[in-house]
Amino acid sequence: SGDVSGGVGVEQFGVLVRRGHDPIYKYWFRAEWEGLDKIPTKGGSLLVENHAAAVPSDAPVIMHGIETELGRPVYGMADHLFKGIPYVGTIWARVGGVAADPENAYRLLREQKQLALVFPEGTKGTSKTYGERYQLRRFGRGGFVEIAMRAGVPIIPIAVVGAEESMPIVAKNATLAKMFGIPYFPITANQLLFGPLLGAMAYFPAKFKLRVLDPVYFDVHADQERYSKSHVMDEADRIRVHLQDALYAMYRTPASYWLGCAWSSTYSSPARDASGVEATPKPSV
């Protein structure tokens, strides 16, 4: 309930934002889905994806795509810092953004049986420079797995390629980040090309490819007071490795995303140490 600036109701405002995003989704990002039928048409599920771009472009694409193709709303679990940004945080809340809190996630998944979208990399994902693209960061302490177990729902990983090219970070300024009290202060290729203000809002026309992976179910009872931490971390690592492998298989050269070309660059499968951490991938053109 309530109104936003200009007297437009919350629901109407959300409709306007989604309508305005539709041509961006279709013609600017040219989103292509694979495996969309793996997302259930009813019941709760926790969607997990790789997170990227200085100002993330992946979440709106996923949320809009699923709502458009399946007719189901997706609630994005945003960091409290992000939701506190003036105007941006307000828009995010009006189109399905929810504070990233375990109780919020549980309520959406268990009680309301909705689709919730989380980003286990957090700001470690969106702060990656272009040279680190498509290399997943650690998934924290596996809290997202514990929430899914507690709510009794599957986790559905979604591999996204294209966001890294939509607003690539070429450098970061630690002094400005400390001054503004934020995790990172990015300098993007968009800002260098379009200027600081427009570059913070204008994405490159990167082609998005989204692959929905097989749902991950857990052989545990819902609503337990606690779950084995080692089990939770093992499942988080397994999901991370599965998602990383999908990204390596999907990756194409930046030119193919900006220009829609067919030629590609491939990654050899990286070696992993005993902890499951990949070596830095080396692309071969």
Protein backbone atom coordinates (compact mmCIF):
# COMPACT_ATOMS: atom_id res chain seq x y z
CA SER A 1 0.00 0.00 0.00
CA GLY A 2 0.97 3.66 -0.21
CA ASP A 3 2.02 6.00 -2.98
CA VAL A 4 5.26 6.91 -4.62
CA SER A 5 6.28 10.27 -5.94
CA GLY A 6 3.65 11.85 -8.13
CA GLY A 7 0.71 10.08 -6.56
CA VAL A 8 1.14 6.86 -8.57
CA GLY A 9 0.06 3.82 -6.55
CA VAL A 10 2.63 1.15 -5.67
CA GLU A 11 1.05 -1.51 -7.86
CA GLN A 12 0.65 0.84 -10.82
CA PHE A 13 4.21 2.07 -10.37
CA GLY A 14 5.52 -1.51 -10.49
CA VAL A 15 3.55 -2.14 -13.68
CA LEU A 16 5.04 0.98 -15.27
CA VAL A 17 8.58 -0.02 -14.33
CA ARG A 18 8.15 -3.54 -15.70
CA ARG A 19 6.57 -2.21 -18.88
CA GLY A 20 9.49 0.16 -19.34
CA HIS A 21 11.99 -2.67 -18.78
CA ASP A 22 10.37 -4.96 -21.36
CA PRO A 23 12.03 -3.44 -24.48
CA ILE A 24 15.39 -3.43 -22.64
CA TYR A 25 14.91 -7.11 -21.83
CA LYS A 26 13.86 -8.02 -25.39
CA TYR A 27 15.93 -5.74 -27.61
CA TRP A 28 18.88 -4.36 -25.61
CA PHE A 29 19.82 -7.51 -23.68
CA ARG A 30 18.09 -9.95 -26.12
CA ALA A 31 17.62 -12.45 -23.32
CA GLU A 32 17.61 -16.13 -24.25
CA TRP A 33 16.55 -18.83 -21.78
CA GLU A 34 17.44 -22.49 -21.60
CA GLY A 35 15.69 -24.88 -19.23
CA LEU A 36 13.00 -22.47 -18.10
CA ASP A 37 10.67 -25.44 -17.65
CA LYS A 38 12.77 -26.51 -14.65
CA ILE A 39 11.27 -23.64 -12.64
CA PRO A 40 8.01 -24.92 -11.10
CA THR A 41 4.76 -23.15 -11.91
CA LYS A 42 3.66 -23.35 -8.27
CA GLY A 43 5.20 -23.82 -4.85
CA GLY A 44 8.23 -22.20 -3.26
CA SER A 45 11.73 -22.42 -4.72
CA LEU A 46 14.97 -20.60 -3.97
CA LEU A 47 16.66 -19.31 -7.13
CA VAL A 48 20.43 -18.86 -6.95
CA GLU A 49 22.53 -17.07 -9.57
CA ASN A 50 25.95 -15.68 -10.27
CA HIS A 51 25.95 -11.93 -9.66
CA ALA A 52 27.77 -9.34 -11.77
CA ALA A 53 28.02 -5.78 -13.20
CA ALA A 54 28.90 -2.71 -11.15
CA VAL A 55 25.18 -1.88 -10.99
CA PRO A 56 23.73 -5.41 -11.30
CA SER A 57 21.75 -5.99 -14.47
CA ASP A 58 21.15 -9.73 -13.98
CA ALA A 59 18.45 -9.62 -11.29
CA PRO A 60 15.99 -7.46 -13.28
CA VAL A 61 16.49 -9.71 -16.33
CA ILE A 62 15.75 -12.87 -14.32
CA MET A 63 12.78 -11.39 -12.49
CA HIS A 64 11.25 -9.91 -15.64
CA GLY A 65 11.89 -13.03 -17.71
CA ILE A 66 10.28 -15.46 -15.29
CA GLU A 67 7.31 -13.19 -14.70
CA THR A 68 6.84 -12.73 -18.45
CA GLU A 69 7.39 -16.34 -19.49
CA LEU A 70 5.86 -18.20 -16.54
CA GLY A 71 3.50 -15.63 -15.07
CA ARG A 72 5.12 -15.98 -11.63
CA PRO A 73 6.51 -13.09 -9.61
CA VAL A 74 10.08 -13.37 -8.33
CA TYR A 75 11.16 -11.64 -5.13
CA GLY A 76 14.79 -10.51 -5.23
CA MET A 77 16.58 -10.57 -1.88
CA ALA A 78 18.60 -7.35 -1.92
CA ASP A 79 21.38 -6.31 0.42
CA HIS A 80 20.28 -3.73 3.00
CA LEU A 81 22.92 -1.32 1.68
CA PHE A 82 21.45 -1.48 -1.82
CA LYS A 83 17.92 -0.92 -0.58
CA GLY A 84 19.09 2.18 1.24
CA ILE A 85 20.19 3.96 -1.95
CA PRO A 86 17.78 6.85 -2.60
CA TYR A 87 15.33 6.30 -5.45
CA VAL A 88 17.05 3.08 -6.62
CA GLY A 89 16.05 1.30 -3.43
CA THR A 90 12.49 2.58 -3.77
CA ILE A 91 12.15 1.31 -7.34
CA TRP A 92 13.63 -2.04 -6.33
CA ALA A 93 11.10 -2.43 -3.52
CA ARG A 94 8.20 -1.57 -5.85
CA VAL A 95 9.08 -4.29 -8.36
CA GLY A 96 9.60 -7.15 -5.91
CA GLY A 97 12.81 -6.34 -4.06
CA VAL A 98 12.92 -7.60 -0.45
CA ALA A 99 15.53 -7.06 2.26
CA ALA A 100 17.94 -10.01 2.37
CA ASP A 101 16.89 -11.38 5.75
CA PRO A 102 16.46 -15.08 6.68
CA GLU A 103 12.98 -14.50 8.08
CA ASN A 104 11.87 -12.68 4.93
CA ALA A 105 13.16 -15.55 2.81
CA TYR A 106 11.48 -18.17 5.03
CA ARG A 107 8.15 -16.33 4.91
CA LEU A 108 8.25 -16.09 1.11
CA LEU A 109 9.32 -19.69 0.57
CA ARG A 110 7.53 -21.64 3.30
CA GLU A 111 4.43 -19.62 4.09
CA GLN A 112 3.67 -17.86 0.81
CA LYS A 113 5.18 -20.53 -1.50
CA GLN A 114 6.80 -17.95 -3.75
CA LEU A 115 9.98 -17.77 -5.83
CA ALA A 116 12.83 -15.96 -4.06
CA LEU A 117 16.08 -14.95 -5.78
CA VAL A 118 19.35 -14.75 -3.84
CA PHE A 119 22.95 -13.89 -4.72
CA PRO A 120 25.36 -15.98 -2.60
CA GLU A 121 28.40 -14.04 -3.83
CA GLY A 122 26.95 -10.77 -2.55
CA THR A 123 29.03 -7.69 -3.27
CA LYS A 124 32.06 -9.92 -3.89
CA GLY A 125 30.36 -10.84 -7.16
CA THR A 126 29.38 -7.37 -8.33
CA SER A 127 32.77 -5.89 -7.41
CA LYS A 128 34.74 -8.18 -9.73
CA THR A 129 36.83 -6.48 -12.38
CA TYR A 130 36.45 -7.46 -16.01
CA GLY A 131 39.60 -9.58 -15.84
CA GLU A 132 37.91 -11.69 -13.15
CA ARG A 133 34.69 -12.25 -15.10
CA TYR A 134 32.77 -15.50 -14.67
CA GLN A 135 34.94 -16.63 -11.77
CA LEU A 136 32.58 -17.27 -8.88
CA ARG A 137 33.47 -16.04 -5.42
CA ARG A 138 32.82 -18.18 -2.36
CA PHE A 139 29.19 -18.53 -1.31
CA GLY A 140 29.64 -17.14 2.18
CA ARG A 141 28.66 -19.51 4.99
CA GLY A 142 25.96 -21.30 3.06
CA GLY A 143 23.08 -19.49 4.73
CA PHE A 144 20.97 -19.77 1.58
CA VAL A 145 21.18 -23.58 1.76
CA GLU A 146 20.06 -23.60 5.38
CA ILE A 147 17.08 -21.38 4.53
CA ALA A 148 16.03 -23.74 1.73
CA MET A 149 16.34 -26.72 4.07
CA ARG A 150 14.33 -25.01 6.76
CA ALA A 151 11.63 -23.95 4.30
CA GLY A 152 11.54 -27.39 2.67
CA VAL A 153 12.07 -26.10 -0.87
CA PRO A 154 14.56 -26.90 -3.65
CA ILE A 155 17.36 -24.63 -4.79
CA ILE A 156 17.38 -23.88 -8.52
CA PRO A 157 20.71 -22.50 -9.81
CA ILE A 158 20.63 -20.12 -12.78
CA ALA A 159 23.81 -19.48 -14.78
CA VAL A 160 23.84 -16.01 -16.36
CA VAL A 161 26.22 -14.89 -19.08
CA GLY A 162 26.11 -11.32 -20.39
CA ALA A 163 25.85 -9.27 -17.20
CA GLU A 164 29.64 -9.11 -16.91
CA GLU A 165 29.75 -7.27 -20.26
CA SER A 166 26.82 -4.92 -19.59
CA MET A 167 28.75 -2.77 -17.10
CA PRO A 168 32.33 -4.04 -16.71
CA ILE A 169 34.53 -2.71 -13.92
CA VAL A 170 37.98 -1.70 -15.12
CA ALA A 171 39.24 -0.41 -11.76
CA LYS A 172 38.18 0.28 -8.17
CA ASN A 173 38.94 3.23 -5.92
CA ALA A 174 39.45 2.18 -2.30
CA THR A 175 39.72 5.78 -1.06
CA LEU A 176 36.31 6.77 -2.43
CA ALA A 177 34.78 3.53 -1.19
CA LYS A 178 35.96 4.30 2.33
CA MET A 179 34.80 7.91 2.03
CA PHE A 180 31.26 6.89 1.07
CA GLY A 181 31.17 3.90 3.40
CA ILE A 182 30.47 1.34 0.66
CA PRO A 183 32.12 -2.03 -0.08
CA TYR A 184 33.62 -0.84 -3.37
CA PHE A 185 33.67 2.20 -5.63
CA PRO A 186 33.76 1.02 -9.25
CA ILE A 187 35.19 2.75 -12.30
CA THR A 188 33.45 1.22 -15.27
CA ALA A 189 33.99 1.19 -19.01
CA ASN A 190 30.54 2.76 -19.28
CA GLN A 191 31.66 5.77 -17.22
CA LEU A 192 34.81 6.17 -19.28
CA LEU A 193 32.74 6.18 -22.48
CA PHE A 194 29.59 8.06 -21.43
CA GLY A 195 30.79 10.11 -18.47
CA PRO A 196 30.34 9.57 -14.70
CA LEU A 197 26.59 10.25 -14.46
CA LEU A 198 25.23 8.64 -17.62
CA GLY A 199 27.77 5.84 -17.37
CA ALA A 200 26.36 4.86 -13.98
CA MET A 201 22.94 4.24 -15.58
CA ALA A 202 23.62 3.21 -19.19
CA TYR A 203 24.37 -0.46 -19.84
CA PHE A 204 26.17 -1.77 -22.91
CA PRO A 205 23.89 -3.85 -25.21
CA ALA A 206 25.22 -7.18 -23.96
CA LYS A 207 23.37 -10.29 -25.05
CA PHE A 208 22.12 -12.34 -22.10
CA LYS A 209 22.08 -16.13 -22.03
CA LEU A 210 20.43 -17.75 -19.02
CA ARG A 211 20.57 -21.46 -18.26
CA VAL A 212 18.37 -22.95 -15.55
CA LEU A 213 20.13 -25.93 -13.96
CA ASP A 214 18.54 -28.97 -12.37
CA PRO A 215 16.81 -28.29 -9.03
CA VAL A 216 18.72 -29.39 -5.92
CA TYR A 217 16.62 -31.18 -3.30
CA PHE A 218 17.66 -31.89 0.27
CA ASP A 219 17.01 -35.11 2.15
CA VAL A 220 16.30 -33.37 5.47
CA HIS A 221 13.16 -32.45 7.38
CA ALA A 222 11.92 -28.87 7.16
CA ASP A 223 11.68 -26.60 10.21
CA GLN A 224 14.46 -28.24 12.19
CA GLU A 225 16.05 -26.03 14.82
CA ARG A 226 19.48 -26.53 13.33
CA TYR A 227 21.21 -28.34 10.49
CA SER A 228 24.68 -29.83 10.26
CA LYS A 229 27.02 -26.98 9.34
CA SER A 230 29.32 -29.32 7.43
CA HIS A 231 26.35 -30.64 5.44
CA VAL A 232 25.21 -27.09 4.66
CA MET A 233 28.68 -26.05 3.50
CA ASP A 234 29.10 -29.21 1.42
CA GLU A 235 25.83 -28.51 -0.38
CA ALA A 236 26.79 -24.85 -0.93
CA ASP A 237 30.13 -25.88 -2.41
CA ARG A 238 28.47 -28.48 -4.63
CA ILE A 239 26.03 -25.90 -5.99
CA ARG A 240 28.84 -23.41 -6.54
CA VAL A 241 30.95 -25.90 -8.51
CA HIS A 242 27.94 -26.96 -10.58
CA LEU A 243 27.16 -23.32 -11.39
CA GLN A 244 30.79 -22.55 -12.19
CA ASP A 245 31.00 -25.47 -14.61
CA ALA A 246 27.88 -24.20 -16.39
CA LEU A 247 29.41 -20.74 -16.75
CA TYR A 248 32.60 -22.14 -18.27
CA ALA A 249 30.52 -24.12 -20.76
CA MET A 250 28.40 -21.12 -21.71
CA TYR A 251 31.02 -18.40 -21.95
CA ARG A 252 31.59 -16.63 -25.26
CA THR A 253 33.85 -13.72 -26.17
CA PRO A 254 32.76 -10.18 -25.26
CA ALA A 255 32.35 -9.41 -28.98
CA SER A 256 29.73 -12.13 -29.32
CA TYR A 257 27.65 -10.47 -26.61
CA TRP A 258 28.04 -6.89 -27.71
CA LEU A 259 27.72 -7.60 -31.44
CA GLY A 260 25.84 -10.91 -31.53
CA CYS A 261 28.62 -12.70 -33.42
CA ALA A 262 28.87 -16.49 -33.57
CA TRP A 263 32.59 -16.88 -32.99
CA SER A 264 33.58 -17.75 -29.45
CA SER A 265 36.30 -18.21 -26.88
CA THR A 266 36.43 -21.38 -24.83
CA TYR A 267 37.76 -22.22 -21.39
CA SER A 268 39.47 -25.44 -20.53
CA SER A 269 37.99 -27.03 -17.41
CA PRO A 270 40.06 -25.69 -14.48
CA ALA A 271 41.78 -27.92 -11.99
CA ARG A 272 40.46 -27.87 -8.43
CA ASP A 273 42.30 -28.41 -5.20
CA ALA A 274 41.01 -30.53 -2.33
CA SER A 275 38.75 -27.71 -1.08
CA GLY A 276 36.99 -27.46 -4.43
CA VAL A 277 38.50 -24.06 -5.34
CA GLU A 278 39.21 -23.59 -9.03
CA ALA A 279 42.47 -22.38 -10.47
CA THR A 280 42.21 -19.12 -12.40
CA PRO A 281 40.75 -19.96 -15.82
CA LYS A 282 42.81 -19.20 -18.90
CA PRO A 283 40.79 -18.42 -22.03
CA SER A 284 42.09 -19.62 -25.38
CA VAL A 285 40.80 -17.90 -28.50
